[in-house]
Amino acid sequence: MLLIAGLSVHRAALEANFRVLPDRTGLAFSNYAPAYLWPIIAREMRYLVKGRLMPGKEVEFLRAVDEGTLGRGSIAGDEYLQDMDQARVGDDGEVHWVEVCFCTIPLAEERPYWEKYFELLSVTDAHSRGNCRDLNGTEPWACCDCDCTKKLEERLAQKWDAFLPKLRERAM
């Protein structure tokens, strides 16, 4: 059983409704995919991620950041480190960051790496899918160099403090 956007979905049922395409999109809907899954399973998107660092993981997490091993083995490479450089933390300890994900299921690749350290509280679309130049077809792979990540990170910076410096203060 998988939990996708709050819905419990049997893995076999999910896989039965998809077929592999020969291009970069990976899994895509067959003609029989249930409509309620359409907004959940998409191509690529920019997400606002909210998580809470698990108690007792502070030192291990900072070591992974400092040694550059955070996300090692992932196809996403050093994006994990870039995400944490821009991550923000509120007074409640919730960490917020922007994640660009090219997975069919949001954070399918990244989730195991994040869940080693974080309880992921939410993963939501960062902006309207209709405004995404990649998704609306006006510019393939636009998410890679899009300035909307920078704009979103600037908005987060206006609300909350930088995460890594606050974590370092706490860990000392």
Foldseek 3Di string as FASTA:
>chain_A
DDQFPNDDDDPVVVVVQWDADPDLQGTDGDPPDDPVCVVQFAFKAKKKWKWAFDPPCLVVVVVCLVVVNQCPPFPVRSVVNVQLQLWFADPVRIIITMDIDRHRGPCPRPVVSPVVTIDTPDIGGPDDLCPDCCSVVNDNPCVVPPCVRVVSSVVRVVPGPRDPVVSVVVVD
